[in-house]
Amino acid sequence: MTEPHPDEDGTAVVAIDAGKTKFLMGVFTRSKPTVEVERHRISVTTASETLELLELRVADLFRRHAVDSIGLSVFGPLETDPLRPDFGAIVGSSEPQWSGVNIPSLLSHRFRVPVHFDFDVNSAASAEERERPPASAGFVYLSIGTGIGGAFSRPVHPVVSPVPSPVEPPQLGHMPLPRETDDPYPGSCRFHGSCFQGLASGRAIFGRWQVPACELPAHHEAWDLQARYIARACATLVYSSPFTTVRVGSGISQVPGLIARSNDYLRRFMNGFPETLCREKFGTDVIQHAVTAPDSSLIGAAIQAAEGSGWKFAPRR
């Protein structure tokens, strides 16, 4: 843990990345929301136990720092209509125990500060835009961890709007994929079985091999299969969106050699078509490591808290 470095006016923000297997939280300076002061981790158990620990951790941060807002990145689907009574809640999730849980409401009412929240993939894409702005039209961000999600980059145009309006990300993790002929695994998604998430998420890897992804060696056959699924998904994204770069983050993206192998398969699957894109990408990769990985969503949450982006849940007065 680093020593605290308070902002010029003493204020700080708390950022929380609420994932399916772990919650990360940190304190960041308000003037430079990519500067981290300290960090904590909570392993997810039941929703009630996890939220109880979250409250205790955040309360401790509020005691020791002058926190005036919270940024939250969270897996979805989320209710984003401020007029609905369940605004901010997780709805219809692939994680049944979290359906109906409203983390922004809990935090805002408990700590009496605004909570700026967004989908974890939107938060991550925002962090990527900040740390490595896209050279061309933009990029697709993919998070491949316990689940799979994605978002399209939203470049900021200061003359028009310094804070982009929040948007619901596409459900890229649930795009249909053909099952590889050497893969008998039926898929882990409780809605679709063998969608992208059902075939290539961390949960799918465990279901197929009965070993957590983090314990599989880099030479295991699992990663060749994983690279093929990533490549097929990215081929679909390149063919169906205006973006020709896919940045991959979260834990599984860190497996040595996985991104390079995925690019090799992608080139085979695209087979030189369209020629214009293949010329554009000659010598570079379509699939790239996210520069902020594996902390993209946490950094994005800090940016939300400092700049007031995302959806806002304000405490009732």
C-alpha atoms as a PDB file:
ATOM      1  CA  MET A   1       0.000   0.000   0.000  1.00  0.00           C
ATOM      2  CA  THR A   2       1.348   3.437  -0.910  1.00  0.00           C
ATOM      3  CA  GLU A   3       1.418   6.383   1.461  1.00  0.00           C
ATOM      4  CA  PRO A   4      -1.570   8.741   1.088  1.00  0.00           C
ATOM      5  CA  HIS A   5      -1.026  11.782  -1.131  1.00  0.00           C
ATOM      6  CA  PRO A   6      -3.948  14.130  -0.478  1.00  0.00           C
ATOM      7  CA  ASP A   7      -5.185  16.422  -3.235  1.00  0.00           C
ATOM      8  CA  GLU A   8      -4.411  20.131  -3.065  1.00  0.00           C
ATOM      9  CA  ASP A   9      -7.719  20.843  -1.360  1.00  0.00           C
ATOM     10  CA  GLY A  10      -7.604  17.604   0.658  1.00  0.00           C
ATOM     11  CA  THR A  11     -10.414  15.904  -1.264  1.00  0.00           C
ATOM     12  CA  ALA A  12     -10.390  12.397  -2.647  1.00  0.00           C
ATOM     13  CA  VAL A  13     -12.753   9.999  -4.348  1.00  0.00           C
ATOM     14  CA  VAL A  14     -13.492   6.351  -3.712  1.00  0.00           C
ATOM     15  CA  ALA A  15     -13.624   4.042  -6.712  1.00  0.00           C
ATOM     16  CA  ILE A  16     -15.212   0.588  -6.635  1.00  0.00           C
ATOM     17  CA  ASP A  17     -15.053  -2.114  -9.278  1.00  0.00           C
ATOM     18  CA  ALA A  18     -17.843  -4.551  -8.406  1.00  0.00           C
ATOM     19  CA  GLY A  19     -17.104  -7.810 -10.195  1.00  0.00           C
ATOM     20  CA  LYS A  20     -18.597 -11.272 -10.073  1.00  0.00           C
ATOM     21  CA  THR A  21     -15.760 -12.891  -8.111  1.00  0.00           C
ATOM     22  CA  LYS A  22     -14.118  -9.903  -6.435  1.00  0.00           C
ATOM     23  CA  PHE A  23     -14.718  -6.272  -5.516  1.00  0.00           C
ATOM     24  CA  LEU A  24     -11.792  -3.859  -5.827  1.00  0.00           C
ATOM     25  CA  MET A  25     -11.889  -0.466  -4.169  1.00  0.00           C
ATOM     26  CA  GLY A  26      -9.398   2.345  -4.018  1.00  0.00           C
ATOM     27  CA  VAL A  27      -8.884   5.953  -3.037  1.00  0.00           C
ATOM     28  CA  PHE A  28      -7.838   8.315  -5.812  1.00  0.00           C
ATOM     29  CA  THR A  29      -7.016  12.024  -5.867  1.00  0.00           C
ATOM     30  CA  ARG A  30      -9.783  14.193  -7.262  1.00  0.00           C
ATOM     31  CA  SER A  31      -7.599  16.406  -9.478  1.00  0.00           C
ATOM     32  CA  LYS A  32      -5.786  13.410 -11.018  1.00  0.00           C
ATOM     33  CA  PRO A  33      -8.197  10.469 -10.797  1.00  0.00           C
ATOM     34  CA  THR A  34      -5.657   8.042 -12.262  1.00  0.00           C
ATOM     35  CA  VAL A  35      -3.399   8.592  -9.213  1.00  0.00           C
ATOM     36  CA  GLU A  36      -4.161   5.837  -6.696  1.00  0.00           C
ATOM     37  CA  VAL A  37      -3.597   6.346  -2.972  1.00  0.00           C
ATOM     38  CA  GLU A  38      -4.555   2.918  -1.634  1.00  0.00           C
ATOM     39  CA  ARG A  39      -6.446  -0.218  -2.630  1.00  0.00           C
ATOM     40  CA  HIS A  40      -8.426  -3.061  -1.052  1.00  0.00           C
ATOM     41  CA  ARG A  41      -9.979  -6.289  -2.318  1.00  0.00           C
ATOM     42  CA  ILE A  42     -13.028  -8.288  -1.217  1.00  0.00           C
ATOM     43  CA  SER A  43     -13.663 -11.811  -2.454  1.00  0.00           C
ATOM     44  CA  VAL A  44     -17.308 -12.290  -3.410  1.00  0.00           C
ATOM     45  CA  THR A  45     -19.257 -14.798  -1.301  1.00  0.00           C
ATOM     46  CA  THR A  46     -22.977 -14.196  -0.872  1.00  0.00           C
ATOM     47  CA  ALA A  47     -24.409 -10.840  -1.896  1.00  0.00           C
ATOM     48  CA  SER A  48     -25.301  -9.906   1.700  1.00  0.00           C
ATOM     49  CA  GLU A  49     -21.893 -10.837   3.125  1.00  0.00           C
ATOM     50  CA  THR A  50     -20.051  -9.086   0.315  1.00  0.00           C
ATOM     51  CA  LEU A  51     -22.050  -5.867   0.709  1.00  0.00           C
ATOM     52  CA  GLU A  52     -21.561  -5.913   4.476  1.00  0.00           C
ATOM     53  CA  LEU A  53     -17.794  -6.084   3.989  1.00  0.00           C
ATOM     54  CA  LEU A  54     -18.009  -3.386   1.319  1.00  0.00           C
ATOM     55  CA  GLU A  55     -19.753  -1.009   3.716  1.00  0.00           C
ATOM     56  CA  LEU A  56     -17.149  -1.635   6.407  1.00  0.00           C
ATOM     57  CA  ARG A  57     -14.240  -1.040   4.023  1.00  0.00           C
ATOM     58  CA  VAL A  58     -15.736   2.118   2.530  1.00  0.00           C
ATOM     59  CA  ALA A  59     -16.602   3.463   6.002  1.00  0.00           C
ATOM     60  CA  ASP A  60     -12.950   3.074   6.971  1.00  0.00           C
ATOM     61  CA  LEU A  61     -11.866   4.976   3.861  1.00  0.00           C
ATOM     62  CA  PHE A  62     -14.304   7.790   4.677  1.00  0.00           C
ATOM     63  CA  ARG A  63     -12.854   8.028   8.201  1.00  0.00           C
ATOM     64  CA  ARG A  64      -9.317   8.432   6.900  1.00  0.00           C
ATOM     65  CA  HIS A  65      -9.844  10.524   3.764  1.00  0.00           C
ATOM     66  CA  ALA A  66     -11.913  13.574   2.785  1.00  0.00           C
ATOM     67  CA  VAL A  67     -14.097  11.714   0.295  1.00  0.00           C
ATOM     68  CA  ASP A  68     -16.813  13.696  -1.478  1.00  0.00           C
ATOM     69  CA  SER A  69     -17.997  11.219  -4.136  1.00  0.00           C
ATOM     70  CA  ILE A  70     -17.952   7.556  -5.100  1.00  0.00           C
ATOM     71  CA  GLY A  71     -17.406   6.061  -8.535  1.00  0.00           C
ATOM     72  CA  LEU A  72     -18.804   2.584  -9.164  1.00  0.00           C
ATOM     73  CA  SER A  73     -18.279   0.217 -12.058  1.00  0.00           C
ATOM     74  CA  VAL A  74     -20.556  -2.808 -11.902  1.00  0.00           C
ATOM     75  CA  PHE A  75     -21.578  -5.742 -14.057  1.00  0.00           C
ATOM     76  CA  GLY A  76     -25.018  -5.577 -15.614  1.00  0.00           C
ATOM     77  CA  PRO A  77     -27.675  -5.552 -16.791  1.00  0.00           C
ATOM     78  CA  LEU A  78     -28.535  -2.394 -14.818  1.00  0.00           C
ATOM     79  CA  GLU A  79     -31.698  -0.334 -14.537  1.00  0.00           C
ATOM     80  CA  THR A  80     -30.645   3.048 -15.926  1.00  0.00           C
ATOM     81  CA  ASP A  81     -33.997   4.864 -16.026  1.00  0.00           C
ATOM     82  CA  PRO A  82     -33.930   7.452 -13.177  1.00  0.00           C
ATOM     83  CA  LEU A  83     -37.751   7.476 -13.116  1.00  0.00           C
ATOM     84  CA  ARG A  84     -38.017   3.824 -12.149  1.00  0.00           C
ATOM     85  CA  PRO A  85     -38.065   2.878  -8.463  1.00  0.00           C
ATOM     86  CA  ASP A  86     -35.267   0.349  -9.001  1.00  0.00           C
ATOM     87  CA  PHE A  87     -32.947   2.845 -10.708  1.00  0.00           C
ATOM     88  CA  GLY A  88     -29.369   1.623 -10.256  1.00  0.00           C
ATOM     89  CA  ALA A  89     -30.254  -1.999  -9.503  1.00  0.00           C
ATOM     90  CA  ILE A  90     -28.810  -5.082 -11.176  1.00  0.00           C
ATOM     91  CA  VAL A  91     -31.675  -6.636 -13.138  1.00  0.00           C
ATOM     92  CA  GLY A  92     -31.982 -10.054 -14.765  1.00  0.00           C
ATOM     93  CA  SER A  93     -28.333 -10.861 -14.223  1.00  0.00           C
ATOM     94  CA  SER A  94     -26.600 -14.096 -15.160  1.00  0.00           C
ATOM     95  CA  GLU A  95     -25.702 -14.043 -11.435  1.00  0.00           C
ATOM     96  CA  PRO A  96     -29.099 -14.823  -9.811  1.00  0.00           C
ATOM     97  CA  GLN A  97     -28.058 -13.860  -6.272  1.00  0.00           C
ATOM     98  CA  TRP A  98     -27.358 -10.291  -7.424  1.00  0.00           C
ATOM     99  CA  SER A  99     -30.597  -9.693  -9.316  1.00  0.00           C
ATOM    100  CA  GLY A 100     -32.427  -6.803  -7.673  1.00  0.00           C
ATOM    101  CA  VAL A 101     -29.407  -5.652  -5.629  1.00  0.00           C
ATOM    102  CA  ASN A 102     -28.960  -1.863  -5.801  1.00  0.00           C
ATOM    103  CA  ILE A 103     -25.366  -0.978  -4.942  1.00  0.00           C
ATOM    104  CA  PRO A 104     -25.554   2.749  -5.917  1.00  0.00           C
ATOM    105  CA  SER A 105     -28.580   3.244  -3.654  1.00  0.00           C
ATOM    106  CA  LEU A 106     -26.909   1.433  -0.759  1.00  0.00           C
ATOM    107  CA  LEU A 107     -23.715   3.491  -0.990  1.00  0.00           C
ATOM    108  CA  SER A 108     -25.376   6.855  -1.555  1.00  0.00           C
ATOM    109  CA  HIS A 109     -27.801   6.492   1.351  1.00  0.00           C
ATOM    110  CA  ARG A 110     -25.160   5.093   3.694  1.00  0.00           C
ATOM    111  CA  PHE A 111     -22.427   7.667   3.016  1.00  0.00           C
ATOM    112  CA  ARG A 112     -24.516  10.688   1.935  1.00  0.00           C
ATOM    113  CA  VAL A 113     -22.498  11.446  -1.199  1.00  0.00           C
ATOM    114  CA  PRO A 114     -23.358  11.112  -4.893  1.00  0.00           C
ATOM    115  CA  VAL A 115     -22.511   7.803  -6.549  1.00  0.00           C
ATOM    116  CA  HIS A 116     -21.553   8.011 -10.210  1.00  0.00           C
ATOM    117  CA  PHE A 117     -22.040   4.537 -11.627  1.00  0.00           C
ATOM    118  CA  ASP A 118     -21.717   2.822 -14.966  1.00  0.00           C
ATOM    119  CA  PHE A 119     -21.427  -0.624 -16.481  1.00  0.00           C
ATOM    120  CA  ASP A 120     -17.984  -2.066 -15.818  1.00  0.00           C
ATOM    121  CA  VAL A 121     -17.182  -2.245 -19.534  1.00  0.00           C
ATOM    122  CA  ASN A 122     -18.125   1.408 -20.085  1.00  0.00           C
ATOM    123  CA  SER A 123     -15.892   2.386 -17.161  1.00  0.00           C
ATOM    124  CA  ALA A 124     -13.048   0.344 -18.602  1.00  0.00           C
ATOM    125  CA  ALA A 125     -13.451   1.830 -22.078  1.00  0.00           C
ATOM    126  CA  SER A 126     -13.334   5.316 -20.558  1.00  0.00           C
ATOM    127  CA  ALA A 127     -10.083   4.494 -18.768  1.00  0.00           C
ATOM    128  CA  GLU A 128      -8.623   3.216 -22.042  1.00  0.00           C
ATOM    129  CA  GLU A 129      -9.679   6.383 -23.868  1.00  0.00           C
ATOM    130  CA  ARG A 130      -7.921   8.454 -21.204  1.00  0.00           C
ATOM    131  CA  GLU A 131      -4.705   6.477 -21.000  1.00  0.00           C
ATOM    132  CA  ARG A 132      -4.305   5.655 -24.707  1.00  0.00           C
ATOM    133  CA  PRO A 133      -6.613   7.737 -26.897  1.00  0.00           C
ATOM    134  CA  PRO A 134      -7.581   5.946 -30.113  1.00  0.00           C
ATOM    135  CA  ALA A 135      -5.639   7.082 -33.162  1.00  0.00           C
ATOM    136  CA  SER A 136      -8.578   6.615 -35.507  1.00  0.00           C
ATOM    137  CA  ALA A 137     -12.337   6.200 -35.169  1.00  0.00           C
ATOM    138  CA  GLY A 138     -12.226   4.267 -31.913  1.00  0.00           C
ATOM    139  CA  PHE A 139     -12.150   0.700 -30.666  1.00  0.00           C
ATOM    140  CA  VAL A 140     -14.162  -2.115 -29.156  1.00  0.00           C
ATOM    141  CA  TYR A 141     -13.335  -2.935 -25.548  1.00  0.00           C
ATOM    142  CA  LEU A 142     -13.770  -6.556 -24.442  1.00  0.00           C
ATOM    143  CA  SER A 143     -13.592  -7.719 -20.844  1.00  0.00           C
ATOM    144  CA  ILE A 144     -12.880 -11.440 -20.573  1.00  0.00           C
ATOM    145  CA  GLY A 145     -12.985 -12.580 -16.981  1.00  0.00           C
ATOM    146  CA  THR A 146     -15.525 -14.489 -14.900  1.00  0.00           C
ATOM    147  CA  GLY A 147     -18.030 -13.259 -17.477  1.00  0.00           C
ATOM    148  CA  ILE A 148     -17.613 -11.491 -20.801  1.00  0.00           C
ATOM    149  CA  GLY A 149     -18.788  -8.016 -21.707  1.00  0.00           C
ATOM    150  CA  GLY A 150     -17.904  -5.278 -24.115  1.00  0.00           C
ATOM    151  CA  ALA A 151     -18.374  -1.644 -25.044  1.00  0.00           C
ATOM    152  CA  PHE A 152     -17.651   0.701 -27.909  1.00  0.00           C
ATOM    153  CA  SER A 153     -15.333   3.614 -27.236  1.00  0.00           C
ATOM    154  CA  ARG A 154     -16.928   7.028 -26.868  1.00  0.00           C
ATOM    155  CA  PRO A 155     -14.385   9.727 -27.788  1.00  0.00           C
ATOM    156  CA  VAL A 156     -14.796  12.958 -25.815  1.00  0.00           C
ATOM    157  CA  HIS A 157     -15.246  16.139 -27.869  1.00  0.00           C
ATOM    158  CA  PRO A 158     -14.664  19.020 -25.383  1.00  0.00           C
ATOM    159  CA  VAL A 159     -16.189  21.675 -27.677  1.00  0.00           C
ATOM    160  CA  VAL A 160     -19.481  19.801 -27.748  1.00  0.00           C
ATOM    161  CA  SER A 161     -19.626  18.101 -24.362  1.00  0.00           C
ATOM    162  CA  PRO A 162     -16.832  17.614 -21.801  1.00  0.00           C
ATOM    163  CA  VAL A 163     -18.668  14.638 -20.261  1.00  0.00           C
ATOM    164  CA  PRO A 164     -20.169  12.099 -22.682  1.00  0.00           C
ATOM    165  CA  SER A 165     -23.709  10.991 -21.934  1.00  0.00           C
ATOM    166  CA  PRO A 166     -23.890   7.478 -20.481  1.00  0.00           C
ATOM    167  CA  VAL A 167     -25.158   4.763 -22.780  1.00  0.00           C
ATOM    168  CA  GLU A 168     -26.028   1.141 -22.238  1.00  0.00           C
ATOM    169  CA  PRO A 169     -23.331  -1.070 -23.755  1.00  0.00           C
ATOM    170  CA  PRO A 170     -24.195  -3.798 -26.251  1.00  0.00           C
ATOM    171  CA  GLN A 171     -24.452  -7.354 -24.932  1.00  0.00           C
ATOM    172  CA  LEU A 172     -21.297  -8.510 -26.716  1.00  0.00           C
ATOM    173  CA  GLY A 173     -20.758 -11.354 -24.279  1.00  0.00           C
ATOM    174  CA  HIS A 174     -23.968 -12.989 -25.460  1.00  0.00           C
ATOM    175  CA  MET A 175     -23.268 -12.951 -29.195  1.00  0.00           C
ATOM    176  CA  PRO A 176     -23.860 -16.410 -30.697  1.00  0.00           C
ATOM    177  CA  LEU A 177     -20.719 -18.332 -31.621  1.00  0.00           C
ATOM    178  CA  PRO A 178     -20.318 -21.665 -33.408  1.00  0.00           C
ATOM    179  CA  ARG A 179     -18.988 -24.290 -31.039  1.00  0.00           C
ATOM    180  CA  GLU A 180     -15.584 -25.554 -32.155  1.00  0.00           C
ATOM    181  CA  THR A 181     -15.784 -29.099 -33.515  1.00  0.00           C
ATOM    182  CA  ASP A 182     -13.352 -30.412 -30.890  1.00  0.00           C
ATOM    183  CA  ASP A 183     -15.263 -28.839 -27.990  1.00  0.00           C
ATOM    184  CA  PRO A 184     -18.023 -30.981 -26.438  1.00  0.00           C
ATOM    185  CA  TYR A 185     -18.681 -28.491 -23.615  1.00  0.00           C
ATOM    186  CA  PRO A 186     -22.346 -27.341 -23.811  1.00  0.00           C
ATOM    187  CA  GLY A 187     -21.684 -23.847 -22.446  1.00  0.00           C
ATOM    188  CA  SER A 188     -22.107 -22.118 -19.088  1.00  0.00           C
ATOM    189  CA  CYS A 189     -24.543 -19.290 -19.865  1.00  0.00           C
ATOM    190  CA  ARG A 190     -27.826 -19.858 -18.050  1.00  0.00           C
ATOM    191  CA  PHE A 191     -29.683 -17.992 -20.804  1.00  0.00           C
ATOM    192  CA  HIS A 192     -28.001 -19.152 -24.014  1.00  0.00           C
ATOM    193  CA  GLY A 193     -25.674 -22.021 -23.196  1.00  0.00           C
ATOM    194  CA  SER A 194     -23.072 -21.670 -25.930  1.00  0.00           C
ATOM    195  CA  CYS A 195     -22.837 -17.912 -26.520  1.00  0.00           C
ATOM    196  CA  PHE A 196     -19.445 -16.149 -26.343  1.00  0.00           C
ATOM    197  CA  GLN A 197     -19.666 -15.897 -22.550  1.00  0.00           C
ATOM    198  CA  GLY A 198     -20.936 -19.463 -22.264  1.00  0.00           C
ATOM    199  CA  LEU A 199     -17.962 -20.800 -24.212  1.00  0.00           C
ATOM    200  CA  ALA A 200     -15.042 -18.513 -23.345  1.00  0.00           C
ATOM    201  CA  SER A 201     -15.568 -16.869 -19.944  1.00  0.00           C
ATOM    202  CA  GLY A 202     -13.634 -17.816 -16.832  1.00  0.00           C
ATOM    203  CA  ARG A 203     -16.705 -19.665 -15.651  1.00  0.00           C
ATOM    204  CA  ALA A 204     -16.802 -21.633 -18.914  1.00  0.00           C
ATOM    205  CA  ILE A 205     -13.111 -22.490 -18.627  1.00  0.00           C
ATOM    206  CA  PHE A 206     -13.678 -23.879 -15.142  1.00  0.00           C
ATOM    207  CA  GLY A 207     -16.771 -25.768 -16.259  1.00  0.00           C
ATOM    208  CA  ARG A 208     -14.930 -27.350 -19.177  1.00  0.00           C
ATOM    209  CA  TRP A 209     -11.640 -28.237 -17.468  1.00  0.00           C
ATOM    210  CA  GLN A 210     -12.652 -28.296 -13.777  1.00  0.00           C
ATOM    211  CA  VAL A 211      -9.655 -26.088 -13.001  1.00  0.00           C
ATOM    212  CA  PRO A 212      -9.723 -22.290 -12.462  1.00  0.00           C
ATOM    213  CA  ALA A 213      -8.280 -20.366 -15.385  1.00  0.00           C
ATOM    214  CA  CYS A 214      -5.566 -18.885 -13.165  1.00  0.00           C
ATOM    215  CA  GLU A 215      -4.245 -22.401 -12.453  1.00  0.00           C
ATOM    216  CA  LEU A 216      -3.977 -23.561 -16.066  1.00  0.00           C
ATOM    217  CA  PRO A 217      -0.408 -23.346 -17.435  1.00  0.00           C
ATOM    218  CA  ALA A 218       0.166 -21.225 -20.538  1.00  0.00           C
ATOM    219  CA  HIS A 219       0.889 -24.351 -22.649  1.00  0.00           C
ATOM    220  CA  HIS A 220      -2.427 -26.039 -21.741  1.00  0.00           C
ATOM    221  CA  GLU A 221      -4.714 -26.939 -24.657  1.00  0.00           C
ATOM    222  CA  ALA A 222      -7.402 -24.746 -23.090  1.00  0.00           C
ATOM    223  CA  TRP A 223      -5.693 -21.627 -24.406  1.00  0.00           C
ATOM    224  CA  ASP A 224      -5.649 -22.718 -28.044  1.00  0.00           C
ATOM    225  CA  LEU A 225      -9.406 -23.269 -27.826  1.00  0.00           C
ATOM    226  CA  GLN A 226      -9.809 -19.949 -26.018  1.00  0.00           C
ATOM    227  CA  ALA A 227      -7.846 -18.136 -28.736  1.00  0.00           C
ATOM    228  CA  ARG A 228     -10.148 -19.553 -31.417  1.00  0.00           C
ATOM    229  CA  TYR A 229     -13.273 -18.359 -29.609  1.00  0.00           C
ATOM    230  CA  ILE A 230     -11.795 -14.899 -29.055  1.00  0.00           C
ATOM    231  CA  ALA A 231     -10.792 -14.710 -32.723  1.00  0.00           C
ATOM    232  CA  ARG A 232     -14.255 -15.735 -33.938  1.00  0.00           C
ATOM    233  CA  ALA A 233     -15.896 -13.131 -31.710  1.00  0.00           C
ATOM    234  CA  CYS A 234     -13.486 -10.433 -32.864  1.00  0.00           C
ATOM    235  CA  ALA A 235     -14.068 -11.321 -36.519  1.00  0.00           C
ATOM    236  CA  THR A 236     -17.788 -10.763 -35.938  1.00  0.00           C
ATOM    237  CA  LEU A 237     -17.081  -7.419 -34.249  1.00  0.00           C
ATOM    238  CA  VAL A 238     -14.808  -6.196 -37.031  1.00  0.00           C
ATOM    239  CA  TYR A 239     -17.302  -7.216 -39.704  1.00  0.00           C
ATOM    240  CA  SER A 240     -20.342  -5.743 -37.942  1.00  0.00           C
ATOM    241  CA  SER A 241     -19.046  -2.506 -36.386  1.00  0.00           C
ATOM    242  CA  PRO A 242     -17.129   0.551 -37.632  1.00  0.00           C
ATOM    243  CA  PHE A 243     -14.124  -0.348 -35.455  1.00  0.00           C
ATOM    244  CA  THR A 244     -11.035  -2.246 -36.571  1.00  0.00           C
ATOM    245  CA  THR A 245      -9.305  -2.511 -33.188  1.00  0.00           C
ATOM    246  CA  VAL A 246     -10.401  -4.650 -30.246  1.00  0.00           C
ATOM    247  CA  ARG A 247      -8.767  -3.982 -26.881  1.00  0.00           C
ATOM    248  CA  VAL A 248      -9.024  -6.913 -24.495  1.00  0.00           C
ATOM    249  CA  GLY A 249      -8.844  -6.513 -20.732  1.00  0.00           C
ATOM    250  CA  SER A 250      -9.629  -8.267 -17.440  1.00  0.00           C
ATOM    251  CA  GLY A 251      -7.825 -11.254 -15.985  1.00  0.00           C
ATOM    252  CA  ILE A 252      -7.853 -13.793 -18.814  1.00  0.00           C
ATOM    253  CA  SER A 253      -6.302 -11.271 -21.210  1.00  0.00           C
ATOM    254  CA  GLN A 254      -3.111 -11.511 -19.152  1.00  0.00           C
ATOM    255  CA  VAL A 255      -2.422 -15.158 -20.076  1.00  0.00           C
ATOM    256  CA  PRO A 256       0.976 -15.170 -21.852  1.00  0.00           C
ATOM    257  CA  GLY A 257       0.682 -15.545 -25.606  1.00  0.00           C
ATOM    258  CA  LEU A 258      -3.126 -15.589 -25.703  1.00  0.00           C
ATOM    259  CA  ILE A 259      -3.578 -12.305 -27.573  1.00  0.00           C
ATOM    260  CA  ALA A 260      -0.888 -13.181 -30.134  1.00  0.00           C
ATOM    261  CA  ARG A 261      -2.474 -16.586 -30.740  1.00  0.00           C
ATOM    262  CA  SER A 262      -5.909 -14.984 -31.080  1.00  0.00           C
ATOM    263  CA  ASN A 263      -4.567 -12.630 -33.737  1.00  0.00           C
ATOM    264  CA  ASP A 264      -3.083 -15.570 -35.638  1.00  0.00           C
ATOM    265  CA  TYR A 265      -6.464 -17.295 -35.721  1.00  0.00           C
ATOM    266  CA  LEU A 266      -8.239 -14.054 -36.614  1.00  0.00           C
ATOM    267  CA  ARG A 267      -6.062 -13.645 -39.698  1.00  0.00           C
ATOM    268  CA  ARG A 268      -6.885 -17.221 -40.724  1.00  0.00           C
ATOM    269  CA  PHE A 269     -10.621 -16.750 -40.189  1.00  0.00           C
ATOM    270  CA  MET A 270     -10.744 -13.433 -42.105  1.00  0.00           C
ATOM    271  CA  ASN A 271      -8.624 -14.957 -44.903  1.00  0.00           C
ATOM    272  CA  GLY A 272      -7.633 -11.605 -46.413  1.00  0.00           C
ATOM    273  CA  PHE A 273     -11.140 -10.122 -46.588  1.00  0.00           C
ATOM    274  CA  PRO A 274     -11.749  -7.261 -46.843  1.00  0.00           C
ATOM    275  CA  GLU A 275      -8.499  -6.375 -48.553  1.00  0.00           C
ATOM    276  CA  THR A 276      -8.695  -2.727 -47.457  1.00  0.00           C
ATOM    277  CA  LEU A 277      -8.776  -3.689 -43.780  1.00  0.00           C
ATOM    278  CA  CYS A 278      -6.009  -6.251 -44.183  1.00  0.00           C
ATOM    279  CA  ARG A 279      -3.817  -3.597 -45.814  1.00  0.00           C
ATOM    280  CA  GLU A 280      -4.635  -1.132 -43.022  1.00  0.00           C
ATOM    281  CA  LYS A 281      -3.714  -3.672 -40.345  1.00  0.00           C
ATOM    282  CA  PHE A 282      -0.607  -5.025 -42.077  1.00  0.00           C
ATOM    283  CA  GLY A 283       2.122  -5.194 -39.435  1.00  0.00           C
ATOM    284  CA  THR A 284      -0.282  -4.381 -36.586  1.00  0.00           C
ATOM    285  CA  ASP A 285      -2.811  -6.417 -34.655  1.00  0.00           C
ATOM    286  CA  VAL A 286      -6.575  -6.100 -34.617  1.00  0.00           C
ATOM    287  CA  ILE A 287      -6.697  -7.605 -31.112  1.00  0.00           C
ATOM    288  CA  GLN A 288      -4.627  -5.686 -28.577  1.00  0.00           C
ATOM    289  CA  HIS A 289      -3.984  -5.724 -24.843  1.00  0.00           C
ATOM    290  CA  ALA A 290      -5.877  -3.014 -22.961  1.00  0.00           C
ATOM    291  CA  VAL A 291      -3.190  -0.678 -21.644  1.00  0.00           C
ATOM    292  CA  THR A 292      -5.055  -0.222 -18.326  1.00  0.00           C
ATOM    293  CA  ALA A 293      -5.695  -3.960 -17.786  1.00  0.00           C
ATOM    294  CA  PRO A 294      -6.345  -5.567 -15.409  1.00  0.00           C
ATOM    295  CA  ASP A 295      -7.452  -2.392 -13.530  1.00  0.00           C
ATOM    296  CA  SER A 296      -9.426  -0.720 -16.329  1.00  0.00           C
ATOM    297  CA  SER A 297     -12.824  -0.700 -14.598  1.00  0.00           C
ATOM    298  CA  LEU A 298     -11.402   0.573 -11.291  1.00  0.00           C
ATOM    299  CA  ILE A 299      -9.586   3.458 -12.985  1.00  0.00           C
ATOM    300  CA  GLY A 300     -12.722   4.240 -14.963  1.00  0.00           C
ATOM    301  CA  ALA A 301     -14.758   4.361 -11.753  1.00  0.00           C
ATOM    302  CA  ALA A 302     -12.296   6.881 -10.290  1.00  0.00           C
ATOM    303  CA  ILE A 303     -12.675   9.063 -13.386  1.00  0.00           C
ATOM    304  CA  GLN A 304     -16.473   8.899 -13.031  1.00  0.00           C
ATOM    305  CA  ALA A 305     -16.327  10.012  -9.396  1.00  0.00           C
ATOM    306  CA  ALA A 306     -13.932  12.894 -10.111  1.00  0.00           C
ATOM    307  CA  GLU A 307     -15.631  14.176 -13.267  1.00  0.00           C
ATOM    308  CA  GLY A 308     -19.277  13.353 -12.602  1.00  0.00           C
ATOM    309  CA  SER A 309     -19.701  11.017 -15.564  1.00  0.00           C
ATOM    310  CA  GLY A 310     -21.940   7.976 -15.776  1.00  0.00           C
ATOM    311  CA  TRP A 311     -25.345   7.816 -14.136  1.00  0.00           C
ATOM    312  CA  LYS A 312     -25.736   9.683 -10.862  1.00  0.00           C
ATOM    313  CA  PHE A 313     -27.465   8.371  -7.757  1.00  0.00           C
ATOM    314  CA  ALA A 314     -27.779  11.253  -5.292  1.00  0.00           C
ATOM    315  CA  PRO A 315     -28.641  10.821  -1.604  1.00  0.00           C
ATOM    316  CA  ARG A 316     -32.091  11.857  -0.500  1.00  0.00           C
ATOM    317  CA  ARG A 317     -31.998  14.956   1.661  1.00  0.00           C
END
